[in-house]
Amino acid sequence: MVHQEIGAKDVVGILRRRYWLIILLAMFGGIAGFVAARVLPKRYTSKTLVLVEQPETQPVTPIATDNVNQRLATMQQQILSTARLEPVIHDLNLYPNDINRLSKEVIVDHLREAITITPVAPMTETRAQNLPGFTISVVFDDPQLAQKICSMITSMFIEENIKVTGIVEADTTKFLNEQLEQAKAKLDEQDAKLATFQTRHVGSLPEDSQANLAFLTGQTTQLEAATQALNRAQQDKSFAESILAQQLSAWQATQSGQNPETLDQQLEALQSQLAALRSKYTDDHPDVIKAKNDIATLKRKILESEQGKKAALPEKTAPTVGEPTQILQLRAQIHQYDQVIKERTAQQEQIKKQIEIYQARVAASPGIEQEYKLLTRDHQTVLDSYNDLLKKRDASAMSQQFDQSKSSDRFHVLDPANYPNEPSFPKMPMFAGGGFGGGLALALGLAFLLEMHDTSMRSEHDVEVILRLPVLAMIPVIAPNMSRAKTPPPRSTTFKTKVPAKV
C-alpha cells in the first residue's frame, strides 16, 4: 500500500479484513460514552424568558429615557453581586458541603458562574435600540434548586427594574428642581440688569430709533417755522418803528414849527443822485465818492436827531400826552411785536434744546443698540434655559406621578422558570453517539495504520507494483476435503518469479 494508490476495491478489501477491529472499537466507544453519561454528575438547566414591554401611551414623555441595554447591564452587575447572591445561598442552603471548606467569595463565584443572562436579538430594525427581552438560565445539580434559583433571579430583575425606574425619576426631578432654582436666580439677575439699562437709556433704545428720527424731523420743521415767524416779526417791528419815528418827527416838527421832512427829502435826493452817477461812472469816480460821503453824513445827522428825540422821551413805549391816535396805534403794534418776538425766541430756544437732545440720542443709538443686543441675548438665553428646565421638571413630576407599570419599560415574564425533567449535561444520546463515532474513527485509523505496515502481496497488481516484474504463472491453492467443505473457491497463490531483463 505504500507504493500504490488506494482505490475503492482496496477500501472494500481493508474493511473485509479489519471488520472485526472496526466493530469492536465502535461498540467499545458507544458503551464508553453511555457509561460516561451515566457516571458523570448531572447538571440541570432551568430557563425563563423575560419580555421587555414598551411603555404605553402616556400624557407626557418621560425625562429619564435611559437605554434598556444599559439598564439591563447595570442591573445584572447589581443582582450578581456578592451582597445579592449571598442571601440566595443561605435561603436555599446551596453548597452545604463547601461552606466549611471554601471561602464565601468562591461559593458566590460558583453560583455566579451557574447563572447566565442572554439578551434576545431584536427581530426588526425598529427594536434595534431596545431589547425585546432576555433569557435567564441557571445550571445546577438539583432540578428543583435550579428552578428556584431561576425564579428568584427573575424576581430580582423585575423588582430592581421598578426600583431603578422610580429612583431615576425621583433623582431627575430633584436635579431639575435644583437646576431650575439656579436658572431662576440667573433670570432675576438678568431682569434687573435689563430694567436698569432701560431706565438709564429711556428714549434711546433701539425700538425708539424711528420715533426719535420722526420727532427730530418734526422739530426741525418747527424750528424753521419759528425762525421764519421770528424774522417776520422783527421785520414788522422795524418797519413799525421806522413809521413811528417818522410820525413822531412829523408831529414834533409840527409842534415846534420845523419841517420834519427836510432831511429825509435831502437823503432821497442824494440817493437819486448817487444812482444816476453809478449808471455813468464806477465806484472809484470822485463824484460817486462825494455822493456817498454826503449820504453818510446826512444819515448820521438823521440818526443823531432821532436819538436825541428818543433820549428826550422818558420811555419808548410810554405814550406822550396829547400824541395823535396814529402814533398810539403804532406804539401798541410795536409792543405786540415785542411780545411775539419774545415768544418766538423762547420757542426757538426750546426747540433747539429738544433737537440737541434727540440728536444726542440718535448719535448714541448704535452703541446703545449693540449693548442692548448683548444684554437681551443673554437674557433670552437664560429665559430659554429656564423655560426648558421648567417644562422638563413638570414632565418629570407628571411622569413620576403616572402609573409606574405604564410609564416605563416593564419586565414581563413570558415563560416562567421551568422544571428540568432531563439533565442538560451529560446528554445520553450525545455521549453515546459521540463515543460510537470516536470508536469508529479510532478503528478506521488503526485499520489504516495496520494496512500501511502490512507487506504481503495479495494480487497480480501488487506483484507488478512492488517487484516491477511481470507474472508468468499462478498456482491455485488446493485445500484438502475441498469438495466436502462449504467454503468459497480457493484463492490462487502467486509465485514470485525473477525473469532476466534480457532473454
Protein backbone atom coordinates (compact mmCIF):
# COMPACT_ATOMS: atom_id res chain seq x y z
CA MET A 1 0.00 0.00 0.00
CA VAL A 2 2.94 2.27 0.48
CA HIS A 3 3.82 2.05 -3.20
CA GLN A 4 0.38 2.32 -4.77
CA GLU A 5 -2.79 4.33 -4.69
CA ILE A 6 -5.79 3.09 -2.74
CA GLY A 7 -8.95 2.62 -4.76
CA ALA A 8 -12.50 1.64 -3.92
CA LYS A 9 -11.63 -2.06 -4.33
CA ASP A 10 -8.76 -1.71 -1.86
CA VAL A 11 -11.02 0.04 0.68
CA VAL A 12 -13.56 -2.77 0.44
CA GLY A 13 -10.77 -5.31 0.93
CA ILE A 14 -9.49 -3.48 4.01
CA LEU A 15 -12.99 -3.41 5.53
CA ARG A 16 -13.38 -7.15 4.91
CA ARG A 17 -10.07 -7.92 6.52
CA ARG A 18 -10.44 -5.50 9.51
CA TYR A 19 -14.18 -5.57 10.10
CA TRP A 20 -13.81 -7.24 13.48
CA LEU A 21 -11.49 -4.48 14.72
CA ILE A 22 -13.83 -1.74 13.49
CA ILE A 23 -16.92 -3.31 15.04
CA LEU A 24 -15.24 -3.89 18.39
CA LEU A 25 -13.80 -0.39 18.73
CA ALA A 26 -17.06 1.29 17.62
CA MET A 27 -19.06 -0.75 20.13
CA PHE A 28 -16.50 -0.04 22.82
CA GLY A 29 -16.70 3.73 22.14
CA GLY A 30 -20.50 3.75 22.26
CA ILE A 31 -20.51 1.74 25.51
CA ALA A 32 -17.86 4.04 26.99
CA GLY A 33 -19.96 7.13 26.09
CA PHE A 34 -23.06 5.54 27.60
CA VAL A 35 -21.18 4.66 30.79
CA ALA A 36 -19.70 8.19 30.99
CA ALA A 37 -23.16 9.71 30.62
CA ARG A 38 -24.38 7.54 33.46
CA VAL A 39 -21.39 8.11 35.70
CA LEU A 40 -20.74 11.85 35.27
CA PRO A 41 -22.59 14.21 37.71
CA LYS A 42 -25.86 15.50 36.33
CA ARG A 43 -26.41 19.18 35.60
CA TYR A 44 -29.94 20.54 35.18
CA THR A 45 -30.78 23.82 33.41
CA SER A 46 -33.83 25.92 34.27
CA LYS A 47 -34.70 28.80 31.91
CA THR A 48 -37.10 31.71 31.90
CA LEU A 49 -37.85 34.28 29.18
CA VAL A 50 -38.46 37.88 30.27
CA LEU A 51 -40.12 40.22 27.76
CA VAL A 52 -39.34 43.93 27.84
CA GLU A 53 -42.67 45.63 27.14
CA GLN A 54 -42.58 49.12 25.67
CA PRO A 55 -44.41 51.89 27.60
CA GLU A 56 -47.99 52.57 26.67
CA THR A 57 -49.35 55.94 25.56
CA GLN A 58 -48.88 58.43 28.36
CA PRO A 59 -49.76 62.11 28.89
CA VAL A 60 -46.12 63.25 28.99
CA THR A 61 -42.84 61.97 27.65
CA PRO A 62 -40.61 60.62 30.45
CA ILE A 63 -37.41 62.55 31.03
CA ALA A 64 -35.41 59.51 32.21
CA THR A 65 -35.11 57.73 28.86
CA ASP A 66 -32.11 55.53 29.56
CA ASN A 67 -31.40 52.70 27.15
CA VAL A 68 -32.76 49.29 28.18
CA ASN A 69 -29.45 47.64 27.27
CA GLN A 70 -27.55 49.87 29.66
CA ARG A 71 -30.15 49.43 32.38
CA LEU A 72 -30.03 45.63 31.98
CA ALA A 73 -26.23 45.60 32.19
CA THR A 74 -26.34 47.74 35.34
CA MET A 75 -28.98 45.56 36.96
CA GLN A 76 -27.04 42.41 36.03
CA GLN A 77 -23.96 43.71 37.86
CA GLN A 78 -26.03 44.62 40.91
CA ILE A 79 -28.03 41.39 41.07
CA LEU A 80 -25.00 39.15 40.52
CA SER A 81 -23.04 40.93 43.22
CA THR A 82 -21.98 39.16 46.39
CA ALA A 83 -24.42 41.11 48.55
CA ARG A 84 -27.39 39.96 46.44
CA LEU A 85 -26.34 36.34 45.83
CA GLU A 86 -25.30 35.53 49.38
CA PRO A 87 -28.90 35.63 50.73
CA VAL A 88 -29.94 33.25 47.93
CA ILE A 89 -27.26 30.77 49.02
CA HIS A 90 -28.41 30.92 52.64
CA ASP A 91 -32.14 30.77 51.88
CA LEU A 92 -31.85 27.74 49.59
CA ASN A 93 -28.99 26.12 51.55
CA LEU A 94 -26.81 25.80 48.47
CA TYR A 95 -23.39 24.12 48.54
CA PRO A 96 -23.75 22.71 52.08
CA ASN A 97 -20.61 20.61 51.72
CA ASP A 98 -18.48 23.54 50.52
CA ILE A 99 -19.44 26.15 53.10
CA ASN A 100 -16.92 24.94 55.69
CA ARG A 101 -14.01 24.29 53.35
CA LEU A 102 -14.39 27.13 50.81
CA SER A 103 -14.50 30.87 51.28
CA LYS A 104 -17.63 32.91 50.77
CA GLU A 105 -16.28 34.57 47.62
CA VAL A 106 -15.52 31.22 45.98
CA ILE A 107 -19.01 29.89 46.71
CA VAL A 108 -20.60 33.06 45.32
CA ASP A 109 -18.42 32.71 42.22
CA HIS A 110 -19.74 29.17 41.72
CA LEU A 111 -23.32 30.42 41.84
CA ARG A 112 -22.48 33.39 39.60
CA GLU A 113 -20.99 31.03 37.01
CA ALA A 114 -24.15 28.93 37.12
CA ILE A 115 -26.31 31.94 36.14
CA THR A 116 -26.34 33.06 32.50
CA ILE A 117 -28.23 36.10 31.18
CA THR A 118 -28.57 36.22 27.39
CA PRO A 119 -30.22 39.15 25.55
CA VAL A 120 -32.72 38.20 22.87
CA ALA A 121 -31.73 39.57 19.46
CA PRO A 122 -34.31 42.03 18.01
CA MET A 123 -36.34 40.66 15.13
CA THR A 124 -36.96 44.05 13.47
CA GLU A 125 -34.85 47.15 12.93
CA THR A 126 -37.34 49.29 14.84
CA ARG A 127 -36.35 47.49 18.05
CA ALA A 128 -32.64 47.51 17.40
CA GLN A 129 -32.13 50.15 20.09
CA ASN A 130 -34.22 48.33 22.73
CA LEU A 131 -34.10 44.65 23.56
CA PRO A 132 -37.31 42.70 23.02
CA GLY A 133 -36.33 40.59 26.03
CA PHE A 134 -33.67 38.45 27.68
CA THR A 135 -33.27 34.87 28.90
CA ILE A 136 -32.15 33.80 32.38
CA SER A 137 -30.76 30.28 32.65
CA VAL A 138 -29.47 28.54 35.79
CA VAL A 139 -27.41 25.32 35.70
CA PHE A 140 -27.40 23.28 38.94
CA ASP A 141 -27.07 19.67 40.06
CA ASP A 142 -30.60 19.64 41.52
CA PRO A 143 -33.51 20.38 39.14
CA GLN A 144 -35.71 21.77 41.91
CA LEU A 145 -32.99 24.11 43.16
CA ALA A 146 -32.23 25.18 39.61
CA GLN A 147 -35.90 26.18 39.15
CA LYS A 148 -35.99 28.05 42.48
CA ILE A 149 -32.76 29.93 41.77
CA CYS A 150 -34.05 30.91 38.32
CA SER A 151 -37.33 32.18 39.78
CA MET A 152 -35.54 34.22 42.48
CA ILE A 153 -33.15 35.83 39.98
CA THR A 154 -36.11 36.70 37.72
CA SER A 155 -37.95 38.31 40.63
CA MET A 156 -34.83 40.29 41.49
CA PHE A 157 -34.68 41.68 37.96
CA ILE A 158 -38.34 42.73 37.98
CA GLU A 159 -38.07 44.39 41.42
CA GLU A 160 -34.80 46.06 40.52
CA ASN A 161 -36.30 47.46 37.32
CA ILE A 162 -39.20 49.04 39.20
CA LYS A 163 -36.83 50.37 41.87
CA VAL A 164 -34.31 51.76 39.39
CA THR A 165 -37.03 53.45 37.32
CA GLY A 166 -38.52 55.12 40.39
CA ILE A 167 -35.11 56.24 41.66
CA VAL A 168 -34.17 57.63 38.25
CA GLU A 169 -37.43 59.61 38.03
CA ALA A 170 -37.05 60.95 41.58
CA ASP A 171 -33.40 61.86 41.09
CA THR A 172 -34.25 63.51 37.78
CA THR A 173 -36.98 65.63 39.36
CA LYS A 174 -34.71 66.63 42.24
CA PHE A 175 -31.88 67.54 39.90
CA LEU A 176 -34.21 69.56 37.69
CA ASN A 177 -35.54 71.45 40.72
CA GLU A 178 -32.02 72.42 41.73
CA GLN A 179 -31.16 73.48 38.20
CA LEU A 180 -34.43 75.41 37.98
CA GLU A 181 -33.62 77.39 41.12
CA GLN A 182 -30.22 78.32 39.75
CA ALA A 183 -31.74 79.29 36.41
CA LYS A 184 -34.37 81.44 38.18
CA ALA A 185 -31.66 83.28 40.11
CA LYS A 186 -29.81 83.99 36.88
CA LEU A 187 -33.04 85.10 35.20
CA ASP A 188 -33.81 87.51 38.06
CA GLU A 189 -30.31 88.94 37.76
CA GLN A 190 -30.72 89.41 34.00
CA ASP A 191 -34.15 91.03 34.52
CA ALA A 192 -32.65 93.52 36.98
CA LYS A 193 -29.82 94.36 34.56
CA LEU A 194 -32.25 94.82 31.70
CA ALA A 195 -34.59 97.04 33.75
CA THR A 196 -31.68 99.21 34.92
CA PHE A 197 -30.41 99.58 31.36
CA GLN A 198 -33.85 100.52 30.04
CA THR A 199 -34.30 103.10 32.82
CA ARG A 200 -30.88 104.64 32.19
CA HIS A 201 -31.34 104.83 28.42
CA VAL A 202 -35.04 105.57 28.22
CA GLY A 203 -35.87 107.09 24.82
CA SER A 204 -32.57 105.86 23.31
CA LEU A 205 -33.39 102.18 22.99
CA PRO A 206 -33.39 100.50 19.55
CA GLU A 207 -37.19 100.46 19.41
CA ASP A 208 -37.17 104.26 19.89
CA SER A 209 -34.88 104.97 16.92
CA GLN A 210 -37.66 105.52 14.37
CA ALA A 211 -39.65 107.65 16.81
CA ASN A 212 -36.55 109.75 17.56
CA LEU A 213 -35.86 110.34 13.87
CA ALA A 214 -39.51 111.26 13.22
CA PHE A 215 -39.58 113.62 16.19
CA LEU A 216 -36.27 115.19 15.12
CA THR A 217 -37.65 115.82 11.63
CA GLY A 218 -40.77 117.44 13.11
CA GLN A 219 -38.74 119.62 15.47
CA THR A 220 -36.55 120.77 12.60
CA THR A 221 -39.64 121.80 10.67
CA GLN A 222 -41.00 123.64 13.72
CA LEU A 223 -37.63 125.37 14.19
CA GLU A 224 -37.71 126.62 10.62
CA ALA A 225 -41.29 127.86 11.08
CA ALA A 226 -40.39 129.59 14.36
CA THR A 227 -37.31 131.18 12.78
CA GLN A 228 -39.38 132.49 9.85
CA ALA A 229 -42.04 133.85 12.23
CA LEU A 230 -39.33 135.50 14.36
CA ASN A 231 -37.73 137.12 11.32
CA ARG A 232 -41.10 138.28 10.07
CA ALA A 233 -41.95 139.77 13.48
CA GLN A 234 -38.58 141.53 13.64
CA GLN A 235 -39.12 142.98 10.15
CA ASP A 236 -42.62 144.11 11.04
CA LYS A 237 -41.31 145.69 14.22
CA SER A 238 -38.52 147.50 12.37
CA PHE A 239 -41.00 148.78 9.82
CA ALA A 240 -43.39 149.91 12.56
CA GLU A 241 -40.55 151.62 14.44
CA SER A 242 -39.44 153.46 11.31
CA ILE A 243 -43.00 154.67 10.66
CA LEU A 244 -43.32 155.61 14.33
CA ALA A 245 -40.10 157.60 14.12
CA GLN A 246 -41.36 159.42 11.04
CA GLN A 247 -44.71 160.12 12.65
CA LEU A 248 -43.02 161.37 15.81
CA SER A 249 -40.67 163.56 13.80
CA ALA A 250 -43.55 164.99 11.82
CA TRP A 251 -45.68 165.53 14.89
CA GLN A 252 -42.79 167.12 16.86
CA ALA A 253 -41.86 169.29 13.90
CA THR A 254 -45.41 170.42 13.66
CA GLN A 255 -45.35 171.27 17.34
CA SER A 256 -42.03 173.24 17.00
CA GLY A 257 -42.81 174.79 13.58
CA GLN A 258 -39.95 172.98 11.72
CA ASN A 259 -40.25 170.98 8.54
CA PRO A 260 -39.51 167.36 9.56
CA GLU A 261 -39.29 166.13 6.04
CA THR A 262 -36.30 168.30 5.01
CA LEU A 263 -33.57 165.81 6.00
CA ASP A 264 -35.46 162.85 4.54
CA GLN A 265 -36.06 164.69 1.30
CA GLN A 266 -32.40 165.61 1.13
CA LEU A 267 -31.44 161.98 1.73
CA GLU A 268 -33.77 160.80 -1.05
CA ALA A 269 -32.37 163.44 -3.41
CA LEU A 270 -28.78 162.40 -2.65
CA GLN A 271 -29.63 158.72 -3.12
CA SER A 272 -31.23 159.51 -6.51
CA GLN A 273 -28.16 161.47 -7.49
CA LEU A 274 -25.87 158.55 -6.42
CA ALA A 275 -27.87 156.13 -8.51
CA ALA A 276 -27.60 158.40 -11.53
CA LEU A 277 -23.81 158.75 -11.06
CA ARG A 278 -23.34 154.97 -10.73
CA SER A 279 -25.11 154.48 -14.01
CA LYS A 280 -22.49 156.61 -15.67
CA TYR A 281 -19.32 156.11 -13.58
CA THR A 282 -17.65 153.45 -11.45
CA ASP A 283 -17.47 153.49 -7.66
CA ASP A 284 -13.95 154.95 -7.82
CA HIS A 285 -15.13 158.16 -9.57
CA PRO A 286 -14.73 161.33 -7.41
CA ASP A 287 -18.38 162.38 -7.91
CA VAL A 288 -19.58 158.95 -6.78
CA ILE A 289 -17.30 159.03 -3.73
CA LYS A 290 -18.51 162.57 -2.83
CA ALA A 291 -22.14 161.50 -3.13
CA LYS A 292 -21.53 158.52 -0.87
CA ASN A 293 -19.88 160.74 1.75
CA ASP A 294 -22.78 163.22 1.64
CA ILE A 295 -25.28 160.44 2.09
CA ALA A 296 -23.31 159.03 5.06
CA THR A 297 -23.11 162.45 6.68
CA LEU A 298 -26.84 163.04 6.23
CA LYS A 299 -27.68 159.62 7.65
CA ARG A 300 -25.60 160.44 10.75
CA LYS A 301 -27.50 163.66 11.19
CA ILE A 302 -30.82 161.91 10.86
CA LEU A 303 -29.69 159.22 13.33
CA GLU A 304 -28.44 161.78 15.84
CA SER A 305 -31.72 163.67 15.52
CA GLU A 306 -33.75 160.55 16.17
CA GLN A 307 -31.54 159.50 19.12
CA GLY A 308 -31.91 162.92 20.63
CA LYS A 309 -35.65 162.69 20.31
CA LYS A 310 -35.72 159.26 21.87
CA ALA A 311 -33.46 160.29 24.74
CA ALA A 312 -35.76 163.19 25.40
CA LEU A 313 -38.64 160.78 25.84
CA PRO A 314 -38.84 159.12 29.36
CA GLU A 315 -39.80 155.67 27.88
CA LYS A 316 -40.04 154.38 24.38
CA THR A 317 -43.32 152.70 24.94
CA ALA A 318 -44.68 155.35 27.22
CA PRO A 319 -47.16 157.40 25.24
CA THR A 320 -46.81 161.15 25.23
CA VAL A 321 -49.72 163.15 26.39
CA GLY A 322 -51.57 164.55 23.51
CA GLU A 323 -49.97 162.21 20.92
CA PRO A 324 -52.13 161.50 17.94
CA THR A 325 -54.12 158.24 17.68
CA GLN A 326 -51.99 157.03 14.78
CA ILE A 327 -48.83 157.24 16.91
CA LEU A 328 -50.53 155.45 19.80
CA GLN A 329 -51.59 152.62 17.47
CA LEU A 330 -48.05 152.30 16.19
CA ARG A 331 -46.74 152.04 19.74
CA ALA A 332 -49.29 149.29 20.51
CA GLN A 333 -48.24 147.40 17.39
CA ILE A 334 -44.58 147.64 18.37
CA HIS A 335 -45.45 146.32 21.83
CA GLN A 336 -47.28 143.37 20.27
CA TYR A 337 -44.33 142.70 18.01
CA ASP A 338 -42.05 142.66 21.06
CA GLN A 339 -44.25 140.04 22.71
CA VAL A 340 -44.29 137.94 19.55
CA ILE A 341 -40.51 138.21 19.20
CA LYS A 342 -40.07 137.21 22.84
CA GLU A 343 -42.37 134.20 22.46
CA ARG A 344 -40.83 133.10 19.18
CA THR A 345 -37.32 133.47 20.62
CA ALA A 346 -38.22 131.31 23.64
CA GLN A 347 -39.90 128.79 21.35
CA GLN A 348 -36.83 128.74 19.12
CA GLU A 349 -34.53 128.11 22.09
CA GLN A 350 -36.75 125.34 23.40
CA ILE A 351 -36.88 123.64 20.01
CA LYS A 352 -33.10 123.89 19.70
CA LYS A 353 -32.69 122.20 23.08
CA GLN A 354 -35.06 119.42 22.05
CA ILE A 355 -33.20 118.99 18.78
CA GLU A 356 -29.88 118.75 20.64
CA ILE A 357 -31.33 116.09 23.00
CA TYR A 358 -32.70 113.96 20.17
CA GLN A 359 -29.58 114.43 18.06
CA ALA A 360 -27.56 113.09 21.01
CA ARG A 361 -29.95 110.13 21.28
CA VAL A 362 -29.68 109.35 17.58
CA ALA A 363 -25.88 109.66 17.71
CA ALA A 364 -25.65 107.34 20.72
CA SER A 365 -28.18 104.87 19.30
CA PRO A 366 -25.65 102.47 17.59
CA GLY A 367 -23.60 101.95 20.74
CA ILE A 368 -26.68 101.59 22.93
CA GLU A 369 -28.20 99.18 20.41
CA GLN A 370 -25.07 96.99 20.47
CA GLU A 371 -25.03 96.91 24.27
CA TYR A 372 -28.78 96.28 24.34
CA LYS A 373 -28.42 93.36 21.92
CA LEU A 374 -25.78 91.72 24.11
CA LEU A 375 -27.91 92.21 27.20
CA THR A 376 -31.13 90.95 25.58
CA ARG A 377 -29.28 87.99 24.04
CA ASP A 378 -28.00 86.89 27.45
CA HIS A 379 -31.46 87.47 28.90
CA GLN A 380 -33.11 85.40 26.15
CA THR A 381 -30.60 82.58 26.61
CA VAL A 382 -31.25 82.42 30.35
CA LEU A 383 -35.00 82.67 29.74
CA ASP A 384 -34.98 79.81 27.22
CA SER A 385 -32.94 77.67 29.59
CA TYR A 386 -35.34 78.45 32.42
CA ASN A 387 -38.42 77.61 30.32
CA ASP A 388 -36.85 74.38 29.09
CA LEU A 389 -35.96 73.30 32.63
CA LEU A 390 -39.46 74.23 33.78
CA LYS A 391 -41.04 72.04 31.10
CA LYS A 392 -38.72 69.15 31.90
CA ARG A 393 -39.40 69.50 35.64
CA ASP A 394 -43.16 69.44 35.09
CA ALA A 395 -42.88 66.48 32.69
CA SER A 396 -40.69 64.57 35.16
CA ALA A 397 -43.10 65.25 38.04
CA MET A 398 -46.11 64.12 35.99
CA SER A 399 -44.24 61.06 34.76
CA GLN A 400 -43.31 60.20 38.34
CA GLN A 401 -46.94 60.51 39.43
CA PHE A 402 -48.14 58.41 36.49
CA ASP A 403 -48.65 54.68 36.95
CA GLN A 404 -45.24 53.01 37.10
CA SER A 405 -46.41 49.99 35.14
CA LYS A 406 -47.42 52.20 32.22
CA SER A 407 -44.85 54.94 32.24
CA SER A 408 -41.67 52.93 31.66
CA ASP A 409 -40.35 49.73 30.19
CA ARG A 410 -41.84 46.81 32.11
CA PHE A 411 -40.30 43.34 32.52
CA HIS A 412 -42.94 40.71 31.84
CA VAL A 413 -42.20 37.02 32.46
CA LEU A 414 -43.26 35.36 29.24
CA ASP A 415 -42.03 31.83 30.13
CA PRO A 416 -41.72 31.10 33.88
CA ALA A 417 -38.79 29.10 35.19
CA ASN A 418 -39.30 25.52 34.02
CA TYR A 419 -38.65 22.34 35.96
CA PRO A 420 -35.92 20.40 34.06
CA ASN A 421 -37.01 16.78 33.70
CA GLU A 422 -33.83 15.74 31.95
CA PRO A 423 -30.29 16.81 32.67
CA SER A 424 -28.74 19.30 30.32
CA PHE A 425 -25.37 17.64 30.97
CA PRO A 426 -24.46 14.92 30.25
CA LYS A 427 -26.95 14.04 27.48
CA MET A 428 -27.19 10.29 26.90
CA PRO A 429 -27.69 10.36 23.09
CA MET A 430 -24.92 12.84 22.62
CA PHE A 431 -22.42 10.94 24.73
CA ALA A 432 -23.36 7.52 23.26
CA GLY A 433 -23.26 8.86 19.72
CA GLY A 434 -20.03 10.68 20.39
CA GLY A 435 -18.45 7.53 21.88
CA PHE A 436 -19.60 5.43 18.96
CA GLY A 437 -18.30 7.95 16.46
CA GLY A 438 -14.99 8.24 18.30
CA GLY A 439 -14.56 4.46 18.44
CA LEU A 440 -15.38 4.16 14.75
CA ALA A 441 -12.90 6.87 13.84
CA LEU A 442 -10.24 5.20 16.03
CA ALA A 443 -10.92 1.84 14.42
CA LEU A 444 -10.65 3.21 10.90
CA GLY A 445 -7.43 4.96 11.74
CA LEU A 446 -5.97 1.88 13.38
CA ALA A 447 -7.01 -0.32 10.43
CA PHE A 448 -5.40 2.05 8.01
CA LEU A 449 -2.22 2.11 10.11
CA LEU A 450 -2.07 -1.72 10.16
CA GLU A 451 -2.57 -1.88 6.42
CA MET A 452 0.26 0.60 5.96
CA HIS A 453 2.63 -1.75 7.79
CA ASP A 454 1.39 -4.95 6.04
CA THR A 455 3.90 -6.08 3.34
CA SER A 456 2.03 -9.08 1.97
CA MET A 457 1.05 -9.21 -1.70
CA ARG A 458 -2.45 -10.33 -2.48
CA SER A 459 -2.88 -9.72 -6.20
CA GLU A 460 -1.05 -9.72 -9.51
CA HIS A 461 -1.14 -5.95 -9.42
CA ASP A 462 0.68 -5.91 -6.05
CA VAL A 463 3.47 -8.09 -7.52
CA GLU A 464 3.89 -5.89 -10.55
CA VAL A 465 3.91 -2.73 -8.45
CA ILE A 466 6.28 -3.93 -5.76
CA LEU A 467 8.70 -6.16 -7.82
CA ARG A 468 8.27 -4.35 -11.10
CA LEU A 469 8.25 -7.79 -12.85
CA PRO A 470 5.54 -9.45 -14.92
CA VAL A 471 3.72 -12.53 -13.56
CA LEU A 472 4.32 -15.69 -15.66
CA ALA A 473 2.00 -18.17 -13.90
CA MET A 474 -0.39 -18.50 -10.99
CA ILE A 475 -0.72 -21.74 -8.93
CA PRO A 476 -4.10 -22.19 -7.22
CA VAL A 477 -4.39 -23.17 -3.59
CA ILE A 478 -5.63 -26.78 -3.23
CA ALA A 479 -7.23 -27.35 0.17
CA PRO A 480 -7.90 -30.91 1.48
CA ASN A 481 -11.53 -32.08 1.55
CA MET A 482 -12.35 -29.15 -0.61
CA SER A 483 -15.44 -30.84 -2.00
CA ARG A 484 -16.81 -31.52 1.47
CA ALA A 485 -16.22 -28.10 2.99
CA LYS A 486 -18.66 -25.38 2.16
CA THR A 487 -16.06 -22.78 1.62
CA PRO A 488 -15.60 -20.23 -1.10
CA PRO A 489 -13.49 -21.24 -4.11
CA PRO A 490 -9.78 -21.48 -3.40
CA ARG A 491 -7.66 -18.42 -3.79
CA SER A 492 -4.84 -18.67 -6.30
CA THR A 493 -1.37 -18.39 -4.95
CA THR A 494 1.00 -16.25 -6.84
CA PHE A 495 4.63 -17.31 -7.05
CA LYS A 496 7.23 -14.68 -7.26
CA THR A 497 9.50 -15.40 -10.27
CA LYS A 498 12.50 -13.46 -11.31
CA VAL A 499 12.93 -13.18 -15.05
CA PRO A 500 16.08 -11.76 -16.50
CA ALA A 501 15.75 -8.36 -18.04
CA LYS A 502 17.06 -9.68 -21.40
CA VAL A 503 16.18 -13.23 -22.60
